[in-house]
Amino acid sequence: MTLIDDRTPAGEGTNDPAGHLRLSGPAQDLLFREAHTATAFGPEPVPDEQLRTVYELVKYAPTAFNAQPLRITLLRSPESRTRLVPHMADANQDRVATAPLVAVLSADRNFHDQLPRLVPQNPGLKDAFADPTARERFAASNAVLQAGYLIVGLRAAGLAVGPMTGFDASGIEAEFFPDGDRTAVMVLVLGTPVDDGYRPRNPRLEFEEVAHTL
């Protein structure tokens, strides 16, 4: 098994001339260098079959205790978009109204109900999450971790993604999850990329600015 595209040697045309990365240069560009937050998309729809293929890849993302609290609500109908728009920050409202597909990402506050199936070797693990406040925090942090993998998976499918956290979480939860069992963590707009769908990329911090050795 290899992660290297044999047609393009790893590191070629990148800042990795030593080939430390196991991805080809074009794959690195697709997932990271050329991919960034999209604000506009082509008109093509995003079919469920494509999303299912992406999920079958990113479901292997790590979560604490294999809890997998991320839940995905796909908004395809105009009516569902109308329900979401008022809860988004002003700058994000037009994006969710016009994108080919919108996904509301939430954390299942009752994820622990699935633990006996997901961690069969520890049948008593569910009882460790009896405190609802601690359980909600745990679910939200792990769902955000899964969301990061989901974004990379969508990029791997050639899709453009615009992740957003500018919204009224309590409003979204009341509108879409009235049972009180979800925590809204992110909204994604996604579709096929277009050349003018991105703003210029802003600078990034260098390795020496963020990494410290003790």
N, C-alpha and C. Protein backbone atom coordinates (compact mmCIF):
# COMPACT_ATOMS: atom_id res chain seq x y z
N MET A 1 0.86 -1.20 0.00
CA MET A 1 0.00 0.00 0.00
C MET A 1 0.88 1.23 0.00
N THR A 2 0.56 2.21 -0.85
CA THR A 2 1.34 3.43 -0.91
C THR A 2 0.43 4.62 -0.98
N LEU A 3 0.88 5.72 -0.39
CA LEU A 3 0.14 6.98 -0.47
C LEU A 3 0.74 7.89 -1.51
N ILE A 4 1.73 7.40 -2.24
CA ILE A 4 2.43 8.22 -3.22
C ILE A 4 1.86 7.98 -4.60
N ASP A 5 1.54 9.05 -5.30
CA ASP A 5 1.12 8.96 -6.69
C ASP A 5 2.38 8.70 -7.52
N ASP A 6 2.46 7.51 -8.13
CA ASP A 6 3.66 7.13 -8.86
C ASP A 6 3.96 8.04 -10.04
N ARG A 7 2.96 8.78 -10.48
CA ARG A 7 3.19 9.65 -11.63
C ARG A 7 3.96 10.90 -11.25
N THR A 8 3.97 11.27 -9.99
CA THR A 8 4.66 12.46 -9.53
C THR A 8 5.42 12.12 -8.27
N PRO A 9 6.75 12.10 -8.30
CA PRO A 9 7.51 11.73 -7.10
C PRO A 9 7.16 12.62 -5.92
N ALA A 10 7.11 12.01 -4.73
CA ALA A 10 6.84 12.78 -3.52
C ALA A 10 7.89 13.86 -3.37
N GLY A 11 7.44 15.07 -3.05
CA GLY A 11 8.35 16.18 -2.82
C GLY A 11 8.65 16.99 -4.06
N GLU A 12 8.39 16.44 -5.25
CA GLU A 12 8.73 17.18 -6.47
C GLU A 12 7.85 18.42 -6.60
N GLY A 13 8.48 19.56 -6.82
CA GLY A 13 7.75 20.81 -7.00
C GLY A 13 7.16 21.34 -5.71
N THR A 14 7.64 20.89 -4.56
CA THR A 14 7.11 21.34 -3.28
C THR A 14 8.26 21.80 -2.40
N ASN A 15 7.92 22.18 -1.17
CA ASN A 15 8.96 22.54 -0.21
C ASN A 15 9.42 21.31 0.56
N ASP A 16 9.26 20.14 -0.02
CA ASP A 16 9.65 18.88 0.61
C ASP A 16 10.58 18.11 -0.33
N PRO A 17 11.72 18.71 -0.69
CA PRO A 17 12.60 18.04 -1.66
C PRO A 17 13.17 16.73 -1.15
N ALA A 18 13.23 16.56 0.17
CA ALA A 18 13.76 15.31 0.73
C ALA A 18 12.73 14.18 0.71
N GLY A 19 11.49 14.51 0.38
CA GLY A 19 10.46 13.49 0.29
C GLY A 19 10.01 12.94 1.63
N HIS A 20 9.97 13.80 2.65
CA HIS A 20 9.51 13.34 3.96
C HIS A 20 8.02 12.99 3.96
N LEU A 21 7.25 13.63 3.10
CA LEU A 21 5.82 13.36 3.04
C LEU A 21 5.54 12.20 2.09
N ARG A 22 4.54 11.42 2.42
CA ARG A 22 4.21 10.25 1.61
C ARG A 22 3.18 10.56 0.54
N LEU A 23 2.81 11.81 0.39
CA LEU A 23 1.86 12.23 -0.64
C LEU A 23 2.60 12.86 -1.79
N SER A 24 2.09 12.68 -3.00
CA SER A 24 2.67 13.35 -4.15
C SER A 24 2.45 14.84 -4.04
N GLY A 25 3.24 15.61 -4.80
CA GLY A 25 3.08 17.06 -4.81
C GLY A 25 1.66 17.50 -5.15
N PRO A 26 1.06 16.95 -6.23
CA PRO A 26 -0.32 17.33 -6.55
C PRO A 26 -1.32 16.99 -5.45
N ALA A 27 -1.12 15.86 -4.76
CA ALA A 27 -2.02 15.51 -3.67
C ALA A 27 -1.87 16.49 -2.51
N GLN A 28 -0.63 16.90 -2.22
CA GLN A 28 -0.40 17.90 -1.18
C GLN A 28 -1.11 19.21 -1.53
N ASP A 29 -1.02 19.60 -2.80
CA ASP A 29 -1.68 20.84 -3.23
C ASP A 29 -3.19 20.73 -3.10
N LEU A 30 -3.74 19.58 -3.54
CA LEU A 30 -5.19 19.39 -3.51
C LEU A 30 -5.74 19.48 -2.10
N LEU A 31 -5.04 18.87 -1.16
CA LEU A 31 -5.56 18.78 0.21
C LEU A 31 -5.22 20.00 1.04
N PHE A 32 -4.09 20.68 0.73
CA PHE A 32 -3.62 21.71 1.64
C PHE A 32 -3.25 23.03 0.95
N ARG A 33 -2.24 23.05 0.10
CA ARG A 33 -1.71 24.32 -0.36
C ARG A 33 -2.70 25.12 -1.22
N GLU A 34 -3.39 24.45 -2.12
CA GLU A 34 -4.30 25.16 -3.01
C GLU A 34 -5.73 25.19 -2.47
N ALA A 35 -6.01 24.41 -1.46
CA ALA A 35 -7.36 24.35 -0.90
C ALA A 35 -7.44 25.30 0.29
N HIS A 36 -8.38 26.21 0.24
CA HIS A 36 -8.68 27.03 1.41
C HIS A 36 -10.13 27.45 1.34
N THR A 37 -10.57 28.19 2.34
CA THR A 37 -11.99 28.46 2.51
C THR A 37 -12.62 29.05 1.25
N ALA A 38 -13.66 28.39 0.77
CA ALA A 38 -14.35 28.82 -0.44
C ALA A 38 -15.55 29.70 -0.08
N THR A 39 -15.81 30.70 -0.91
CA THR A 39 -16.95 31.59 -0.70
C THR A 39 -17.96 31.51 -1.84
N ALA A 40 -17.60 30.83 -2.94
CA ALA A 40 -18.51 30.67 -4.08
C ALA A 40 -18.22 29.33 -4.73
N PHE A 41 -19.24 28.81 -5.44
CA PHE A 41 -19.14 27.47 -5.99
C PHE A 41 -19.78 27.41 -7.36
N GLY A 42 -19.44 26.35 -8.10
CA GLY A 42 -20.12 26.08 -9.35
C GLY A 42 -21.53 25.56 -9.09
N PRO A 43 -22.36 25.48 -10.13
CA PRO A 43 -23.76 25.11 -9.94
C PRO A 43 -24.01 23.61 -9.78
N GLU A 44 -23.00 22.79 -9.99
CA GLU A 44 -23.20 21.34 -9.96
C GLU A 44 -23.62 20.87 -8.57
N PRO A 45 -24.56 19.94 -8.49
CA PRO A 45 -24.99 19.41 -7.18
C PRO A 45 -23.92 18.50 -6.57
N VAL A 46 -24.05 18.29 -5.28
CA VAL A 46 -23.16 17.37 -4.56
C VAL A 46 -24.02 16.17 -4.17
N PRO A 47 -23.85 15.04 -4.86
CA PRO A 47 -24.74 13.90 -4.62
C PRO A 47 -24.42 13.17 -3.32
N ASP A 48 -25.43 12.51 -2.78
CA ASP A 48 -25.24 11.73 -1.57
C ASP A 48 -24.19 10.64 -1.75
N GLU A 49 -24.12 10.06 -2.96
CA GLU A 49 -23.17 8.99 -3.20
C GLU A 49 -21.73 9.48 -3.00
N GLN A 50 -21.47 10.71 -3.42
CA GLN A 50 -20.14 11.28 -3.23
C GLN A 50 -19.85 11.51 -1.76
N LEU A 51 -20.84 12.02 -1.04
CA LEU A 51 -20.67 12.26 0.39
C LEU A 51 -20.48 10.95 1.15
N ARG A 52 -21.21 9.93 0.74
CA ARG A 52 -21.06 8.63 1.40
C ARG A 52 -19.64 8.09 1.21
N THR A 53 -19.09 8.26 0.01
CA THR A 53 -17.73 7.81 -0.25
C THR A 53 -16.73 8.56 0.62
N VAL A 54 -16.94 9.86 0.76
CA VAL A 54 -16.07 10.66 1.64
C VAL A 54 -16.18 10.16 3.08
N TYR A 55 -17.41 9.94 3.53
CA TYR A 55 -17.58 9.50 4.92
C TYR A 55 -16.92 8.15 5.17
N GLU A 56 -17.01 7.25 4.20
CA GLU A 56 -16.40 5.94 4.38
C GLU A 56 -14.89 6.03 4.55
N LEU A 57 -14.30 7.13 4.12
CA LEU A 57 -12.88 7.36 4.33
C LEU A 57 -12.61 8.04 5.67
N VAL A 58 -13.35 9.13 5.95
CA VAL A 58 -13.02 9.94 7.13
C VAL A 58 -13.61 9.37 8.42
N LYS A 59 -14.42 8.34 8.33
CA LYS A 59 -14.96 7.75 9.57
C LYS A 59 -13.85 7.13 10.42
N TYR A 60 -12.68 6.96 9.83
CA TYR A 60 -11.55 6.40 10.59
C TYR A 60 -10.77 7.47 11.35
N ALA A 61 -11.25 8.69 11.37
CA ALA A 61 -10.60 9.74 12.16
C ALA A 61 -10.58 9.34 13.63
N PRO A 62 -9.52 9.69 14.36
CA PRO A 62 -9.45 9.32 15.77
C PRO A 62 -10.37 10.16 16.63
N THR A 63 -11.01 9.53 17.59
CA THR A 63 -11.75 10.23 18.64
C THR A 63 -11.47 9.50 19.94
N ALA A 64 -11.54 10.23 21.04
CA ALA A 64 -11.31 9.62 22.35
C ALA A 64 -12.33 8.51 22.59
N PHE A 65 -11.86 7.36 23.02
CA PHE A 65 -12.70 6.19 23.28
C PHE A 65 -13.50 5.76 22.06
N ASN A 66 -13.05 6.17 20.85
CA ASN A 66 -13.79 5.82 19.63
C ASN A 66 -15.24 6.29 19.70
N ALA A 67 -15.46 7.44 20.33
CA ALA A 67 -16.82 7.90 20.63
C ALA A 67 -17.59 8.35 19.39
N GLN A 68 -16.91 8.95 18.40
CA GLN A 68 -17.54 9.36 17.14
C GLN A 68 -18.82 10.19 17.35
N PRO A 69 -18.75 11.32 18.04
CA PRO A 69 -19.96 12.09 18.34
C PRO A 69 -20.46 12.97 17.19
N LEU A 70 -19.70 13.11 16.10
CA LEU A 70 -20.11 14.00 15.02
C LEU A 70 -21.39 13.51 14.35
N ARG A 71 -22.32 14.44 14.13
CA ARG A 71 -23.53 14.16 13.35
C ARG A 71 -23.63 15.22 12.25
N ILE A 72 -24.12 14.83 11.10
CA ILE A 72 -24.15 15.70 9.93
C ILE A 72 -25.59 15.85 9.45
N THR A 73 -26.06 17.09 9.39
CA THR A 73 -27.40 17.38 8.89
C THR A 73 -27.26 18.11 7.56
N LEU A 74 -27.69 17.48 6.48
CA LEU A 74 -27.56 18.06 5.14
C LEU A 74 -28.79 18.88 4.80
N LEU A 75 -28.57 20.12 4.44
CA LEU A 75 -29.67 21.02 4.08
C LEU A 75 -29.67 21.18 2.56
N ARG A 76 -30.62 20.54 1.91
CA ARG A 76 -30.72 20.61 0.46
C ARG A 76 -31.90 21.49 0.01
N SER A 77 -32.99 21.46 0.74
CA SER A 77 -34.18 22.18 0.29
C SER A 77 -34.09 23.67 0.60
N PRO A 78 -34.73 24.51 -0.23
CA PRO A 78 -34.76 25.95 0.07
C PRO A 78 -35.39 26.24 1.44
N GLU A 79 -36.35 25.43 1.84
CA GLU A 79 -37.01 25.65 3.13
C GLU A 79 -36.03 25.48 4.28
N SER A 80 -35.17 24.47 4.19
CA SER A 80 -34.20 24.26 5.26
C SER A 80 -33.19 25.39 5.31
N ARG A 81 -32.80 25.93 4.16
CA ARG A 81 -31.87 27.06 4.15
C ARG A 81 -32.52 28.28 4.79
N THR A 82 -33.80 28.48 4.48
CA THR A 82 -34.52 29.62 5.06
C THR A 82 -34.53 29.54 6.58
N ARG A 83 -34.62 28.34 7.10
CA ARG A 83 -34.62 28.16 8.55
C ARG A 83 -33.25 28.46 9.15
N LEU A 84 -32.19 28.20 8.38
CA LEU A 84 -30.83 28.39 8.90
C LEU A 84 -30.36 29.83 8.82
N VAL A 85 -30.68 30.51 7.72
CA VAL A 85 -30.12 31.84 7.44
C VAL A 85 -30.22 32.80 8.63
N PRO A 86 -31.36 32.94 9.32
CA PRO A 86 -31.43 33.93 10.39
C PRO A 86 -30.47 33.67 11.55
N HIS A 87 -29.98 32.46 11.66
CA HIS A 87 -29.08 32.12 12.78
C HIS A 87 -27.61 32.28 12.42
N MET A 88 -27.33 32.65 11.16
CA MET A 88 -25.96 32.84 10.73
C MET A 88 -25.54 34.30 10.88
N ALA A 89 -24.24 34.52 11.07
CA ALA A 89 -23.71 35.89 11.07
C ALA A 89 -24.02 36.52 9.71
N ASP A 90 -24.16 37.85 9.71
CA ASP A 90 -24.56 38.54 8.48
C ASP A 90 -23.68 38.18 7.29
N ALA A 91 -22.37 38.10 7.51
CA ALA A 91 -21.45 37.83 6.40
C ALA A 91 -21.61 36.43 5.84
N ASN A 92 -22.25 35.54 6.59
CA ASN A 92 -22.38 34.15 6.15
C ASN A 92 -23.76 33.82 5.59
N GLN A 93 -24.70 34.73 5.70
CA GLN A 93 -26.08 34.39 5.33
C GLN A 93 -26.25 34.11 3.84
N ASP A 94 -25.63 34.92 2.99
CA ASP A 94 -25.78 34.70 1.55
C ASP A 94 -25.12 33.39 1.14
N ARG A 95 -24.04 33.02 1.80
CA ARG A 95 -23.34 31.78 1.44
C ARG A 95 -24.22 30.56 1.70
N VAL A 96 -24.88 30.53 2.84
CA VAL A 96 -25.70 29.36 3.12
C VAL A 96 -26.97 29.36 2.28
N ALA A 97 -27.40 30.52 1.82
CA ALA A 97 -28.60 30.59 1.00
C ALA A 97 -28.35 30.13 -0.43
N THR A 98 -27.09 30.24 -0.91
CA THR A 98 -26.82 30.00 -2.33
C THR A 98 -25.91 28.82 -2.61
N ALA A 99 -25.24 28.27 -1.64
CA ALA A 99 -24.31 27.17 -1.88
C ALA A 99 -25.05 25.93 -2.38
N PRO A 100 -24.41 25.11 -3.20
CA PRO A 100 -25.06 23.88 -3.67
C PRO A 100 -25.50 22.97 -2.52
N LEU A 101 -24.72 22.94 -1.44
CA LEU A 101 -25.07 22.10 -0.31
C LEU A 101 -24.56 22.74 0.97
N VAL A 102 -25.36 22.62 2.02
CA VAL A 102 -24.98 23.10 3.35
C VAL A 102 -25.06 21.93 4.31
N ALA A 103 -24.05 21.81 5.17
CA ALA A 103 -24.05 20.76 6.18
C ALA A 103 -23.91 21.42 7.55
N VAL A 104 -24.86 21.13 8.42
CA VAL A 104 -24.76 21.56 9.81
C VAL A 104 -24.11 20.42 10.59
N LEU A 105 -22.96 20.70 11.16
CA LEU A 105 -22.24 19.70 11.93
C LEU A 105 -22.53 19.89 13.41
N SER A 106 -22.91 18.82 14.05
CA SER A 106 -23.26 18.90 15.46
C SER A 106 -22.64 17.74 16.21
N ALA A 107 -22.59 17.88 17.53
CA ALA A 107 -22.10 16.83 18.40
C ALA A 107 -23.28 16.21 19.14
N ASP A 108 -23.34 14.91 19.11
CA ASP A 108 -24.42 14.18 19.78
C ASP A 108 -24.12 14.13 21.27
N ARG A 109 -24.94 14.82 22.05
CA ARG A 109 -24.72 14.83 23.50
C ARG A 109 -24.99 13.46 24.14
N ASN A 110 -25.67 12.61 23.42
CA ASN A 110 -25.95 11.26 23.91
C ASN A 110 -25.10 10.21 23.19
N PHE A 111 -23.92 10.62 22.77
CA PHE A 111 -23.03 9.70 22.07
C PHE A 111 -22.73 8.47 22.91
N HIS A 112 -22.78 8.62 24.22
CA HIS A 112 -22.39 7.51 25.10
C HIS A 112 -23.32 6.30 24.96
N ASP A 113 -24.52 6.53 24.42
CA ASP A 113 -25.43 5.40 24.21
C ASP A 113 -24.85 4.40 23.21
N GLN A 114 -23.95 4.87 22.33
CA GLN A 114 -23.36 3.99 21.32
C GLN A 114 -22.09 3.30 21.79
N LEU A 115 -21.58 3.69 22.95
CA LEU A 115 -20.28 3.16 23.38
C LEU A 115 -20.26 1.64 23.57
N PRO A 116 -21.32 1.02 24.08
CA PRO A 116 -21.24 -0.45 24.17
C PRO A 116 -21.00 -1.13 22.83
N ARG A 117 -21.48 -0.54 21.76
CA ARG A 117 -21.24 -1.10 20.42
C ARG A 117 -19.89 -0.69 19.87
N LEU A 118 -19.47 0.56 20.15
CA LEU A 118 -18.24 1.08 19.58
C LEU A 118 -17.00 0.65 20.35
N VAL A 119 -17.17 0.35 21.63
CA VAL A 119 -16.04 -0.09 22.47
C VAL A 119 -16.49 -1.36 23.20
N PRO A 120 -16.71 -2.45 22.49
CA PRO A 120 -17.29 -3.65 23.11
C PRO A 120 -16.39 -4.26 24.18
N GLN A 121 -15.10 -3.97 24.13
CA GLN A 121 -14.19 -4.54 25.12
C GLN A 121 -14.30 -3.85 26.48
N ASN A 122 -15.05 -2.75 26.54
CA ASN A 122 -15.23 -2.02 27.80
C ASN A 122 -16.72 -1.76 28.00
N PRO A 123 -17.49 -2.75 28.37
CA PRO A 123 -18.95 -2.61 28.43
C PRO A 123 -19.44 -1.60 29.46
N GLY A 124 -18.63 -1.25 30.44
CA GLY A 124 -19.07 -0.29 31.45
C GLY A 124 -18.69 1.15 31.15
N LEU A 125 -18.09 1.39 29.98
CA LEU A 125 -17.60 2.73 29.67
C LEU A 125 -18.71 3.77 29.63
N LYS A 126 -19.88 3.38 29.17
CA LYS A 126 -21.00 4.33 29.08
C LYS A 126 -21.26 5.01 30.42
N ASP A 127 -21.12 4.28 31.51
CA ASP A 127 -21.43 4.83 32.82
C ASP A 127 -20.47 5.94 33.23
N ALA A 128 -19.30 6.00 32.61
CA ALA A 128 -18.32 7.03 32.94
C ALA A 128 -18.75 8.40 32.43
N PHE A 129 -19.78 8.46 31.60
CA PHE A 129 -20.23 9.72 31.01
C PHE A 129 -21.61 10.11 31.55
N ALA A 130 -21.83 9.88 32.81
CA ALA A 130 -23.13 10.19 33.40
C ALA A 130 -23.35 11.69 33.55
N ASP A 131 -22.28 12.46 33.73
CA ASP A 131 -22.41 13.92 33.93
C ASP A 131 -22.70 14.59 32.59
N PRO A 132 -23.87 15.18 32.40
CA PRO A 132 -24.23 15.74 31.09
C PRO A 132 -23.36 16.92 30.67
N THR A 133 -22.90 17.73 31.62
CA THR A 133 -22.07 18.88 31.27
C THR A 133 -20.72 18.44 30.74
N ALA A 134 -20.08 17.52 31.45
CA ALA A 134 -18.80 17.00 30.98
C ALA A 134 -18.97 16.24 29.67
N ARG A 135 -20.08 15.55 29.52
CA ARG A 135 -20.34 14.78 28.30
C ARG A 135 -20.50 15.72 27.10
N GLU A 136 -21.16 16.84 27.29
CA GLU A 136 -21.33 17.79 26.19
C GLU A 136 -19.99 18.37 25.75
N ARG A 137 -19.14 18.74 26.70
CA ARG A 137 -17.82 19.26 26.35
C ARG A 137 -17.00 18.23 25.59
N PHE A 138 -17.04 17.01 26.07
CA PHE A 138 -16.31 15.92 25.43
C PHE A 138 -16.81 15.72 24.00
N ALA A 139 -18.12 15.71 23.84
CA ALA A 139 -18.70 15.49 22.51
C ALA A 139 -18.31 16.59 21.54
N ALA A 140 -18.38 17.84 22.00
CA ALA A 140 -18.09 18.97 21.11
C ALA A 140 -16.63 18.96 20.66
N SER A 141 -15.69 18.71 21.57
CA SER A 141 -14.27 18.75 21.19
C SER A 141 -13.94 17.63 20.22
N ASN A 142 -14.51 16.47 20.42
CA ASN A 142 -14.22 15.35 19.52
C ASN A 142 -14.94 15.50 18.18
N ALA A 143 -16.11 16.11 18.19
CA ALA A 143 -16.81 16.37 16.92
C ALA A 143 -16.04 17.36 16.06
N VAL A 144 -15.42 18.37 16.69
CA VAL A 144 -14.61 19.32 15.94
C VAL A 144 -13.40 18.62 15.32
N LEU A 145 -12.81 17.70 16.06
CA LEU A 145 -11.71 16.90 15.51
C LEU A 145 -12.17 16.14 14.27
N GLN A 146 -13.33 15.52 14.36
CA GLN A 146 -13.86 14.80 13.20
C GLN A 146 -14.17 15.75 12.05
N ALA A 147 -14.63 16.95 12.36
CA ALA A 147 -14.96 17.92 11.32
C ALA A 147 -13.72 18.28 10.51
N GLY A 148 -12.57 18.40 11.18
CA GLY A 148 -11.34 18.69 10.45
C GLY A 148 -11.01 17.60 9.44
N TYR A 149 -11.17 16.36 9.85
CA TYR A 149 -10.94 15.25 8.92
C TYR A 149 -11.97 15.28 7.78
N LEU A 150 -13.21 15.61 8.10
CA LEU A 150 -14.24 15.67 7.07
C LEU A 150 -13.89 16.70 6.01
N ILE A 151 -13.39 17.85 6.42
CA ILE A 151 -13.01 18.89 5.46
C ILE A 151 -11.92 18.39 4.53
N VAL A 152 -10.91 17.73 5.08
CA VAL A 152 -9.85 17.18 4.24
C VAL A 152 -10.40 16.12 3.30
N GLY A 153 -11.32 15.28 3.79
CA GLY A 153 -11.92 14.27 2.94
C GLY A 153 -12.72 14.88 1.80
N LEU A 154 -13.43 15.95 2.06
CA LEU A 154 -14.19 16.62 1.00
C LEU A 154 -13.25 17.22 -0.04
N ARG A 155 -12.13 17.76 0.42
CA ARG A 155 -11.13 18.27 -0.52
C ARG A 155 -10.58 17.13 -1.37
N ALA A 156 -10.38 15.97 -0.76
CA ALA A 156 -9.86 14.82 -1.51
C ALA A 156 -10.82 14.40 -2.61
N ALA A 157 -12.10 14.70 -2.44
CA ALA A 157 -13.10 14.40 -3.47
C ALA A 157 -13.19 15.50 -4.52
N GLY A 158 -12.31 16.51 -4.43
CA GLY A 158 -12.31 17.59 -5.39
C GLY A 158 -13.33 18.67 -5.11
N LEU A 159 -13.90 18.66 -3.91
CA LEU A 159 -14.91 19.66 -3.55
C LEU A 159 -14.26 20.86 -2.87
N ALA A 160 -14.90 22.00 -3.01
CA ALA A 160 -14.49 23.21 -2.30
C ALA A 160 -15.38 23.33 -1.06
N VAL A 161 -14.78 23.79 0.04
CA VAL A 161 -15.47 23.81 1.32
C VAL A 161 -15.28 25.16 1.99
N GLY A 162 -16.35 25.65 2.59
CA GLY A 162 -16.28 26.86 3.39
C GLY A 162 -16.78 26.57 4.79
N PRO A 163 -15.88 26.30 5.74
CA PRO A 163 -16.32 26.06 7.12
C PRO A 163 -16.61 27.37 7.84
N MET A 164 -17.66 27.39 8.63
CA MET A 164 -18.08 28.60 9.33
C MET A 164 -18.47 28.28 10.77
N THR A 165 -18.04 29.16 11.67
CA THR A 165 -18.46 29.08 13.07
C THR A 165 -19.15 30.36 13.51
N GLY A 166 -19.40 31.26 12.57
CA GLY A 166 -20.11 32.50 12.87
C GLY A 166 -21.61 32.29 12.82
N PHE A 167 -22.17 31.85 13.94
CA PHE A 167 -23.61 31.60 13.98
C PHE A 167 -24.08 31.59 15.43
N ASP A 168 -25.39 31.66 15.59
CA ASP A 168 -26.02 31.57 16.91
C ASP A 168 -26.28 30.09 17.18
N ALA A 169 -25.40 29.49 17.96
CA ALA A 169 -25.50 28.05 18.19
C ALA A 169 -26.81 27.66 18.86
N SER A 170 -27.21 28.43 19.86
CA SER A 170 -28.46 28.09 20.55
C SER A 170 -29.65 28.20 19.61
N GLY A 171 -29.61 29.16 18.69
CA GLY A 171 -30.69 29.29 17.72
C GLY A 171 -30.75 28.12 16.77
N ILE A 172 -29.59 27.68 16.28
CA ILE A 172 -29.56 26.51 15.39
C ILE A 172 -30.04 25.27 16.12
N GLU A 173 -29.60 25.12 17.36
CA GLU A 173 -30.00 23.93 18.12
C GLU A 173 -31.51 23.90 18.35
N ALA A 174 -32.10 25.06 18.66
CA ALA A 174 -33.54 25.11 18.87
C ALA A 174 -34.31 24.85 17.58
N GLU A 175 -33.75 25.33 16.46
CA GLU A 175 -34.43 25.21 15.17
C GLU A 175 -34.37 23.80 14.60
N PHE A 176 -33.19 23.17 14.69
CA PHE A 176 -32.98 21.89 14.04
C PHE A 176 -32.92 20.70 14.99
N PHE A 177 -32.62 20.96 16.25
CA PHE A 177 -32.47 19.86 17.21
C PHE A 177 -33.29 20.15 18.47
N PRO A 178 -34.59 20.25 18.34
CA PRO A 178 -35.44 20.66 19.46
C PRO A 178 -35.45 19.67 20.62
N ASP A 179 -34.98 18.46 20.41
CA ASP A 179 -34.93 17.50 21.51
C ASP A 179 -33.82 17.79 22.50
N GLY A 180 -32.96 18.76 22.16
CA GLY A 180 -31.91 19.15 23.07
C GLY A 180 -30.75 18.18 23.16
N ASP A 181 -30.57 17.36 22.12
CA ASP A 181 -29.54 16.32 22.18
C ASP A 181 -28.32 16.62 21.31
N ARG A 182 -28.24 17.83 20.75
CA ARG A 182 -27.13 18.16 19.87
C ARG A 182 -26.50 19.50 20.26
N THR A 183 -25.20 19.62 20.01
CA THR A 183 -24.48 20.88 20.15
C THR A 183 -23.97 21.27 18.77
N ALA A 184 -24.39 22.41 18.25
CA ALA A 184 -23.94 22.86 16.94
C ALA A 184 -22.48 23.30 17.04
N VAL A 185 -21.62 22.74 16.17
CA VAL A 185 -20.20 23.07 16.25
C VAL A 185 -19.67 23.75 14.99
N MET A 186 -20.31 23.55 13.84
CA MET A 186 -19.78 24.13 12.61
C MET A 186 -20.84 24.03 11.52
N VAL A 187 -20.77 24.96 10.57
CA VAL A 187 -21.60 24.90 9.36
C VAL A 187 -20.66 24.89 8.17
N LEU A 188 -20.89 23.96 7.25
CA LEU A 188 -20.08 23.88 6.03
C LEU A 188 -20.93 24.22 4.82
N VAL A 189 -20.41 25.07 3.95
CA VAL A 189 -20.97 25.22 2.61
C VAL A 189 -20.01 24.53 1.66
N LEU A 190 -20.54 23.81 0.69
CA LEU A 190 -19.65 23.05 -0.19
C LEU A 190 -20.25 22.89 -1.57
N GLY A 191 -19.35 22.63 -2.51
CA GLY A 191 -19.75 22.45 -3.90
C GLY A 191 -18.51 22.30 -4.75
N THR A 192 -18.69 22.38 -6.06
CA THR A 192 -17.54 22.27 -6.96
C THR A 192 -16.78 23.60 -6.96
N PRO A 193 -15.46 23.55 -7.05
CA PRO A 193 -14.67 24.78 -7.00
C PRO A 193 -14.78 25.61 -8.27
N VAL A 194 -14.64 26.91 -8.11
CA VAL A 194 -14.55 27.84 -9.24
C VAL A 194 -13.37 28.77 -8.98
N ASP A 195 -12.78 29.29 -10.06
CA ASP A 195 -11.55 30.07 -9.94
C ASP A 195 -11.73 31.30 -9.06
N ASP A 196 -12.89 31.94 -9.13
CA ASP A 196 -13.09 33.16 -8.36
C ASP A 196 -13.81 32.90 -7.04
N GLY A 197 -13.79 31.67 -6.57
CA GLY A 197 -14.50 31.32 -5.35
C GLY A 197 -13.68 31.45 -4.09
N TYR A 198 -12.45 31.97 -4.21
CA TYR A 198 -11.57 32.07 -3.06
C TYR A 198 -11.04 33.49 -2.92
N ARG A 199 -10.88 33.92 -1.69
CA ARG A 199 -10.15 35.15 -1.43
C ARG A 199 -8.66 34.83 -1.41
N PRO A 200 -7.81 35.84 -1.59
CA PRO A 200 -6.36 35.58 -1.48
C PRO A 200 -6.03 34.98 -0.11
N ARG A 201 -5.12 34.01 -0.12
CA ARG A 201 -4.76 33.36 1.13
C ARG A 201 -3.96 34.30 2.02
N ASN A 202 -4.32 34.35 3.28
CA ASN A 202 -3.59 35.16 4.25
C ASN A 202 -2.35 34.42 4.75
N PRO A 203 -1.41 35.13 5.36
CA PRO A 203 -0.17 34.48 5.81
C PRO A 203 -0.44 33.42 6.88
N ARG A 204 0.50 32.52 6.99
CA ARG A 204 0.47 31.49 8.02
C ARG A 204 1.71 31.64 8.91
N LEU A 205 1.58 31.22 10.16
CA LEU A 205 2.72 31.23 11.06
C LEU A 205 3.73 30.18 10.64
N GLU A 206 5.00 30.45 10.91
CA GLU A 206 6.07 29.52 10.58
C GLU A 206 6.23 28.48 11.70
N PHE A 207 6.89 27.39 11.35
CA PHE A 207 7.09 26.29 12.29
C PHE A 207 7.73 26.77 13.58
N GLU A 208 8.74 27.62 13.47
CA GLU A 208 9.46 28.08 14.65
C GLU A 208 8.60 28.94 15.55
N GLU A 209 7.52 29.49 15.02
CA GLU A 209 6.64 30.33 15.83
C GLU A 209 5.63 29.52 16.65
N VAL A 210 5.39 28.30 16.26
CA VAL A 210 4.35 27.51 16.92
C VAL A 210 4.89 26.27 17.61
N ALA A 211 6.10 25.83 17.26
CA ALA A 211 6.64 24.60 17.82
C ALA A 211 7.79 24.90 18.76
N HIS A 212 7.76 24.29 19.92
CA HIS A 212 8.82 24.49 20.91
C HIS A 212 9.23 23.14 21.47
N THR A 213 10.52 22.96 21.61
CA THR A 213 11.06 21.71 22.13
C THR A 213 11.50 21.90 23.57
N LEU A 214 11.08 21.01 24.44
CA LEU A 214 11.46 21.06 25.85
C LEU A 214 12.48 19.97 26.17
